């Protein structure tokens, strides 16, 4: 069982929006609407900052502004990575139930390790994960299948035996390309109709629904003799 992080296991949008607001203010630009930030999450910090700069300035930023804004965002976010972020309801209990059932559990995210490690540690999720593959673990990130395949390799399972739970097109594309199943969770940062258009193997409204949906169906009752 593999899980995306932002929008799947943890609602990180509040801290990301706060860090963006501080970074843009220091660059002389208006803060983004927090409601828009959720639509920009999923491709890592550089893409997030670039999208915020385009929204604030009305045009693609130059290299100097991009570098300055990214450095300031990284400083602010790194200092407050878990200030307002919280696991989604049922996240911890779901991970515990899957591990109790003997399933290896991992996290595959585009968030760099400098943010991923303290976030999972601060929220108490790190001990429940057998592998964590952050966005800077290799040269490629989701939607490329490499992170999914690498996590499966570490866990000792074939991708065809794996399930990736996520909330974004990046997750769906990575799972499909790797040969894994994709479970879409609707409480994240992608609209439900867009998620369903990706044709996931399963759609869930809450993580707590997952263990029961993975349980094998009971055998049919025997016919009386």
Foldseek 3Di string as FASTA:
>chain_A
DEEEPDFTFKPQLVLLQVLLQVLQVVVVWHRDDSLCLLVQPAQELLSSNQVRCCVGVVHGDDPVSSVSSSVSSCVSCLVCVAVPMATDPCSQVLLVVCVVVVHAYEYAYLYDPSSVVVNCVVRVNVVSHPYYHYNVNDDDHFVAQVSVCVVCVVVVHQLCPAEYEYADPRRLNNSVVSNHAYEHECSGRDHPVVVVVSVGPYYYPDSNPPVVVPDDDDDDDDDDD
